[in-house]
Amino acid sequence: MKKKELKTKSKDELRKILKEDYESLHKLRFDLAFSRLKDTNSIKKLKREIARIKTLLNQK
């Protein structure tokens, strides 16, 4: 999700997205450990999105 899209969300929506992203990151890490993950860059992208959401939550 882009930064502009995230800015329009409420705190509750951001927390929900953050929880979903953490779950996705957990699944990706398991896939990486069992060599099922082809696109390792997706972990990096997801971690950046989590950081963006946390930053916006601290600003609000």
C-alpha atoms as a PDB file:
ATOM      1  CA  MET A   1       0.000   0.000   0.000  1.00  0.00           C
ATOM      2  CA  LYS A   2       1.260   3.471  -0.780  1.00  0.00           C
ATOM      3  CA  LYS A   3       1.946   6.138   1.814  1.00  0.00           C
ATOM      4  CA  LYS A   4      -0.882   8.343   0.561  1.00  0.00           C
ATOM      5  CA  GLU A   5      -3.362   5.496   0.912  1.00  0.00           C
ATOM      6  CA  LEU A   6      -2.180   4.768   4.430  1.00  0.00           C
ATOM      7  CA  LYS A   7      -2.515   8.407   5.513  1.00  0.00           C
ATOM      8  CA  THR A   8      -6.241   8.376   4.761  1.00  0.00           C
ATOM      9  CA  LYS A   9      -6.885   5.390   7.041  1.00  0.00           C
ATOM     10  CA  SER A  10      -8.027   5.692  10.640  1.00  0.00           C
ATOM     11  CA  LYS A  11      -6.027   4.362  13.592  1.00  0.00           C
ATOM     12  CA  ASP A  12      -8.217   1.273  13.889  1.00  0.00           C
ATOM     13  CA  GLU A  13      -7.854   0.479  10.190  1.00  0.00           C
ATOM     14  CA  LEU A  14      -4.076   0.912  10.424  1.00  0.00           C
ATOM     15  CA  ARG A  15      -3.910  -1.436  13.406  1.00  0.00           C
ATOM     16  CA  LYS A  16      -5.918  -4.032  11.485  1.00  0.00           C
ATOM     17  CA  ILE A  17      -3.616  -3.745   8.456  1.00  0.00           C
ATOM     18  CA  LEU A  18      -0.584  -3.951  10.756  1.00  0.00           C
ATOM     19  CA  LYS A  19      -1.868  -7.165  12.324  1.00  0.00           C
ATOM     20  CA  GLU A  20      -2.495  -8.692   8.893  1.00  0.00           C
ATOM     21  CA  ASP A  21       0.972  -7.669   7.724  1.00  0.00           C
ATOM     22  CA  TYR A  22       2.598  -9.288  10.761  1.00  0.00           C
ATOM     23  CA  GLU A  23       0.730 -12.510  10.010  1.00  0.00           C
ATOM     24  CA  SER A  24       1.829 -12.379   6.368  1.00  0.00           C
ATOM     25  CA  LEU A  25       5.425 -11.747   7.421  1.00  0.00           C
ATOM     26  CA  HIS A  26       5.274 -14.748   9.736  1.00  0.00           C
ATOM     27  CA  LYS A  27       4.060 -16.965   6.889  1.00  0.00           C
ATOM     28  CA  LEU A  28       6.729 -15.641   4.531  1.00  0.00           C
ATOM     29  CA  ARG A  29       9.468 -16.355   7.042  1.00  0.00           C
ATOM     30  CA  PHE A  30       8.263 -19.943   7.423  1.00  0.00           C
ATOM     31  CA  ASP A  31       8.173 -20.344   3.653  1.00  0.00           C
ATOM     32  CA  LEU A  32      11.715 -18.987   3.457  1.00  0.00           C
ATOM     33  CA  ALA A  33      12.908 -21.421   6.122  1.00  0.00           C
ATOM     34  CA  PHE A  34      11.433 -24.368   4.234  1.00  0.00           C
ATOM     35  CA  SER A  35      12.725 -23.128   0.850  1.00  0.00           C
ATOM     36  CA  ARG A  36       9.241 -22.586  -0.563  1.00  0.00           C
ATOM     37  CA  LEU A  37       9.646 -18.833  -1.037  1.00  0.00           C
ATOM     38  CA  LYS A  38      10.728 -17.774  -4.525  1.00  0.00           C
ATOM     39  CA  ASP A  39      10.559 -13.974  -4.112  1.00  0.00           C
ATOM     40  CA  THR A  40      12.698 -13.122  -1.087  1.00  0.00           C
ATOM     41  CA  ASN A  41      12.263  -9.426  -1.831  1.00  0.00           C
ATOM     42  CA  SER A  42       8.647  -9.649  -0.655  1.00  0.00           C
ATOM     43  CA  ILE A  43       9.858  -9.902   2.968  1.00  0.00           C
ATOM     44  CA  LYS A  44      11.758  -6.641   2.589  1.00  0.00           C
ATOM     45  CA  LYS A  45       8.739  -4.887   1.060  1.00  0.00           C
ATOM     46  CA  LEU A  46       6.439  -6.103   3.817  1.00  0.00           C
ATOM     47  CA  LYS A  47       8.835  -4.994   6.550  1.00  0.00           C
ATOM     48  CA  ARG A  48       8.958  -1.522   5.009  1.00  0.00           C
ATOM     49  CA  GLU A  49       5.173  -1.327   4.919  1.00  0.00           C
ATOM     50  CA  ILE A  50       5.031  -2.335   8.577  1.00  0.00           C
ATOM     51  CA  ALA A  51       7.515   0.439   9.400  1.00  0.00           C
ATOM     52  CA  ARG A  52       5.405   2.978   7.478  1.00  0.00           C
ATOM     53  CA  ILE A  53       2.271   1.967   9.362  1.00  0.00           C
ATOM     54  CA  LYS A  54       4.026   2.139  12.736  1.00  0.00           C
ATOM     55  CA  THR A  55       5.349   5.602  11.886  1.00  0.00           C
ATOM     56  CA  LEU A  56       1.884   6.843  10.948  1.00  0.00           C
ATOM     57  CA  LEU A  57       0.392   5.389  14.133  1.00  0.00           C
ATOM     58  CA  ASN A  58       2.979   7.235  16.228  1.00  0.00           C
ATOM     59  CA  GLN A  59       2.236  10.485  14.406  1.00  0.00           C
ATOM     60  CA  LYS A  60      -1.525  10.279  14.966  1.00  0.00           C
END
